[in-house]
Protein backbone atom coordinates (compact mmCIF):
# COMPACT_ATOMS: atom_id res chain seq x y z
CA MET A 1 0.00 0.00 0.00
CA THR A 2 1.20 3.49 -0.81
CA SER A 3 1.37 6.06 1.96
CA ALA A 4 -0.39 9.39 1.63
CA ASP A 5 2.14 11.11 3.88
CA ASP A 6 4.56 12.10 1.13
CA GLY A 7 3.52 15.68 0.45
CA THR A 8 0.92 14.81 -2.20
CA MET A 9 -2.09 15.22 0.10
CA GLU A 10 -3.26 18.21 2.12
CA GLY A 11 -6.09 17.40 4.50
CA LEU A 12 -8.61 15.39 2.48
CA ALA A 13 -7.39 16.61 -0.91
CA VAL A 14 -4.74 15.06 -3.12
CA THR A 15 -2.91 18.04 -4.57
CA SER A 16 -0.42 16.28 -6.84
CA CYS A 17 0.29 12.70 -7.83
CA GLU A 18 2.31 11.07 -10.61
CA ARG A 19 2.10 7.44 -9.48
CA CYS A 20 0.02 6.12 -12.41
CA PRO A 21 1.53 7.31 -15.72
CA GLU A 22 -1.48 6.24 -17.79
CA LEU A 23 -3.89 8.10 -15.50
CA VAL A 24 -1.69 11.18 -15.41
CA GLU A 25 -1.85 11.17 -19.20
CA SER A 26 -5.63 10.71 -19.38
CA ARG A 27 -6.78 13.07 -16.62
CA SER A 28 -7.39 16.78 -16.89
CA GLN A 29 -7.38 17.15 -13.11
CA ILE A 30 -7.38 15.18 -9.86
CA VAL A 31 -10.94 14.62 -8.67
CA ASN A 32 -11.14 14.72 -4.87
CA GLY A 33 -14.09 13.86 -2.68
CA THR A 34 -16.78 16.40 -1.87
CA GLY A 35 -18.98 16.91 1.16
CA PRO A 36 -18.55 17.52 4.89
CA GLU A 37 -15.25 16.62 6.49
CA ASP A 38 -17.16 15.06 9.40
CA ALA A 39 -19.85 13.27 7.38
CA ASN A 40 -21.53 10.28 9.01
CA LEU A 41 -22.22 8.75 5.60
CA VAL A 42 -19.61 8.28 2.86
CA PHE A 43 -20.32 7.04 -0.66
CA LEU A 44 -17.42 5.33 -2.39
CA GLY A 45 -17.32 5.08 -6.18
CA GLU A 46 -14.83 3.59 -8.56
CA ALA A 47 -13.11 6.39 -10.48
CA PRO A 48 -14.00 9.66 -12.23
CA GLY A 49 -15.66 9.53 -15.64
CA ALA A 50 -15.62 12.18 -18.35
CA ASN A 51 -18.08 14.51 -16.59
CA GLU A 52 -16.28 14.19 -13.28
CA ASP A 53 -12.90 14.80 -14.89
CA ASP A 54 -14.31 17.90 -16.57
CA GLN A 55 -16.04 19.37 -13.51
CA GLY A 56 -13.66 18.17 -10.80
CA GLU A 57 -16.34 16.52 -8.65
CA PRO A 58 -17.40 12.88 -8.25
CA PHE A 59 -20.77 11.63 -9.51
CA VAL A 60 -21.93 14.65 -11.50
CA GLY A 61 -23.15 12.81 -14.62
CA ARG A 62 -26.30 10.77 -15.17
CA SER A 63 -25.44 8.34 -12.40
CA GLY A 64 -24.92 11.31 -10.09
CA SER A 65 -28.46 12.47 -10.83
CA VAL A 66 -29.75 9.04 -9.79
CA LEU A 67 -27.73 9.22 -6.57
CA ASP A 68 -29.08 12.71 -5.86
CA GLU A 69 -32.64 11.44 -6.36
CA ALA A 70 -32.09 8.51 -4.01
CA LEU A 71 -30.62 10.84 -1.40
CA ARG A 72 -33.65 13.13 -1.67
CA ASP A 73 -35.95 10.16 -1.19
CA ALA A 74 -34.03 9.35 1.99
CA GLY A 75 -34.45 12.93 3.22
CA LEU A 76 -30.89 13.95 2.42
CA ALA A 77 -29.05 16.33 0.13
CA ARG A 78 -25.67 15.86 -1.51
CA ALA A 79 -24.29 18.43 0.93
CA ASP A 80 -25.15 16.10 3.83
CA VAL A 81 -22.86 13.27 2.72
CA ARG A 82 -19.28 12.70 1.56
CA ILE A 83 -18.79 11.33 -1.95
CA THR A 84 -15.41 10.07 -3.07
CA ASN A 85 -13.74 7.47 -5.31
CA CYS A 86 -11.24 4.63 -4.97
CA VAL A 87 -9.15 6.24 -7.72
CA ARG A 88 -9.03 10.02 -8.18
CA CYS A 89 -7.98 10.26 -11.82
CA ARG A 90 -10.02 9.30 -14.88
CA PRO A 91 -8.88 6.04 -16.53
CA PRO A 92 -8.58 6.14 -20.33
CA GLU A 93 -11.89 5.49 -22.13
CA ASN A 94 -13.53 5.15 -18.69
CA ARG A 95 -12.08 1.65 -18.24
CA ASN A 96 -11.96 0.06 -14.81
CA PRO A 97 -8.92 1.05 -12.76
CA THR A 98 -6.24 -1.62 -12.60
CA SER A 99 -5.23 -3.34 -9.37
CA ALA A 100 -1.99 -1.32 -9.40
CA GLU A 101 -3.89 1.95 -9.79
CA LEU A 102 -6.24 1.01 -6.95
CA ALA A 103 -3.24 0.17 -4.78
CA ASN A 104 -1.52 3.46 -5.65
CA CYS A 105 -4.58 5.43 -4.51
CA ARG A 106 -5.45 3.29 -1.49
CA GLY A 107 -3.37 5.36 0.92
CA TYR A 108 -5.32 8.48 -0.03
CA LEU A 109 -8.63 6.73 0.64
CA GLN A 110 -7.31 5.35 3.92
CA ARG A 111 -6.36 8.83 5.10
CA GLU A 112 -9.62 10.39 3.91
CA LEU A 113 -11.76 7.87 5.78
CA ALA A 114 -9.58 8.09 8.89
CA LEU A 115 -9.97 11.87 9.01
CA ILE A 116 -13.73 11.77 8.37
CA ASP A 117 -14.40 8.78 10.67
CA PRO A 118 -17.85 8.03 9.19
CA GLU A 119 -20.57 5.92 10.76
CA LEU A 120 -21.00 4.08 7.46
CA VAL A 121 -19.42 3.68 4.02
CA VAL A 122 -21.58 2.76 1.02
CA THR A 123 -19.69 1.01 -1.78
CA LEU A 124 -21.25 1.91 -5.13
CA GLY A 125 -20.74 -0.98 -7.50
CA LYS A 126 -18.45 -3.97 -7.95
CA VAL A 127 -15.01 -2.29 -8.06
CA PRO A 128 -15.27 -0.28 -4.81
CA SER A 129 -17.08 -3.15 -3.07
CA GLU A 130 -14.33 -5.63 -3.92
CA HIS A 131 -11.60 -3.08 -3.21
CA LEU A 132 -12.88 -2.32 0.28
CA LEU A 133 -14.05 -5.83 1.19
CA ASP A 134 -10.97 -7.46 -0.35
CA ARG A 135 -12.95 -10.33 -1.85
CA SER A 136 -15.19 -11.17 -4.77
CA VAL A 137 -18.60 -9.52 -4.39
CA ALA A 138 -21.87 -10.43 -6.13
CA VAL A 139 -23.22 -6.90 -5.88
CA THR A 140 -26.80 -7.52 -6.98
CA LYS A 141 -27.15 -10.39 -4.50
CA GLU A 142 -25.36 -8.63 -1.66
CA ALA A 143 -26.92 -5.17 -2.10
CA GLY A 144 -27.98 -3.84 1.29
CA ASP A 145 -25.72 -6.20 3.24
CA VAL A 146 -23.85 -4.63 6.15
CA VAL A 147 -20.25 -5.76 6.54
CA ASP A 148 -17.28 -4.83 8.69
CA VAL A 149 -14.22 -3.77 6.71
CA ARG A 150 -10.71 -2.82 7.67
CA LEU A 151 -8.61 -0.16 5.99
CA GLY A 152 -5.20 0.42 7.49
CA GLU A 153 -5.53 0.53 11.28
CA ARG A 154 -9.22 1.41 11.22
CA SER A 155 -12.42 -0.62 10.96
CA TYR A 156 -15.62 0.64 9.36
CA ARG A 157 -19.15 -0.54 8.76
CA ALA A 158 -19.98 -0.70 5.07
CA VAL A 159 -23.09 -1.33 3.00
CA VAL A 160 -22.80 -2.93 -0.44
CA SER A 161 -24.80 -1.18 -3.16
CA VAL A 162 -25.31 -1.52 -6.88
CA HIS A 163 -23.89 1.37 -8.87
CA PRO A 164 -26.46 4.09 -9.63
CA ALA A 165 -25.63 3.70 -13.33
CA ALA A 166 -27.02 0.16 -13.13
CA THR A 167 -30.48 1.67 -12.71
CA LEU A 168 -30.11 3.40 -16.08
CA TYR A 169 -29.43 0.15 -17.91
CA ASP A 170 -31.63 -2.17 -15.88
CA GLY A 171 -34.81 -0.67 -14.47
CA SER A 172 -35.22 -3.59 -12.09
CA GLN A 173 -32.18 -2.33 -10.16
CA ARG A 174 -33.81 1.00 -9.33
CA GLU A 175 -35.85 -0.24 -6.38
CA THR A 176 -32.84 -2.12 -5.03
CA PHE A 177 -30.65 0.97 -5.25
CA PHE A 178 -33.16 3.34 -3.64
CA GLU A 179 -33.90 0.87 -0.82
CA THR A 180 -30.18 0.41 -0.16
CA ILE A 181 -29.59 4.17 0.10
CA ALA A 182 -32.54 4.58 2.47
CA HIS A 183 -31.26 1.65 4.55
CA ALA A 184 -27.78 3.20 4.69
CA ALA A 185 -29.18 6.57 5.77
CA ASP A 186 -31.03 4.86 8.62
CA LEU A 187 -27.96 2.91 9.71
CA ALA A 188 -25.77 6.02 9.66
CA GLY A 189 -28.33 7.92 11.73
CA VAL A 190 -28.81 10.60 9.11
CA ALA A 191 -32.26 9.69 7.76
CA THR A 192 -35.11 12.06 8.56
CA ASP A 193 -38.69 11.27 9.49
CA GLY A 194 -40.13 13.88 7.14
CA SER A 195 -39.96 16.69 9.70
CA GLY A 196 -36.23 17.17 9.34
CA GLN A 197 -35.57 15.34 12.58
CA SER A 198 -32.88 12.69 12.54
CA SER A 199 -33.95 9.12 13.26
CA LEU A 200 -30.68 8.44 15.09
CA GLY A 201 -32.61 7.89 18.32
CA ASP A 202 -34.19 4.79 16.80
CA PHE A 203 -30.91 2.90 16.78
């Protein structure tokens, strides 16, 4: 695992990195996470796509719109949660990041989660689920499952979720995705009961 303590990261933001030559070549900028630095709920994606690379924020394309809608249904706004990626630079042609690229960025994710110390991490799709759980994951079958994961010296609770983009290609995944997000909001103690009051006291 690569350390983040080498001058390439300030707080939660990676400011410079040249570890993955192919990603350095394909990116227009480093895409860091967005949202509160003390968020109870963190959403973990795979890597930036074209829209994210252009705008410098994770999940701002069509899949981001689906995530925003699911958050609204759970009584949340994007500003209430932290959204980040396993890899912070866009892979060429939006391919999956390689195992080496995931490993190169893992130290950044480890530091980000350690500083935020969330109640819950939601892994959006197969790549982040397998990266964090360190095993093969059948995402559609395991969606909504709560698991304990370890990253560095810290342990976290995580919920497996299908990727929001899956709902765009397979309408049957929409209900699964929305239910998983609502379940995660409840578990993290950030869901509201419709009056703006947290349901944390229910847990």
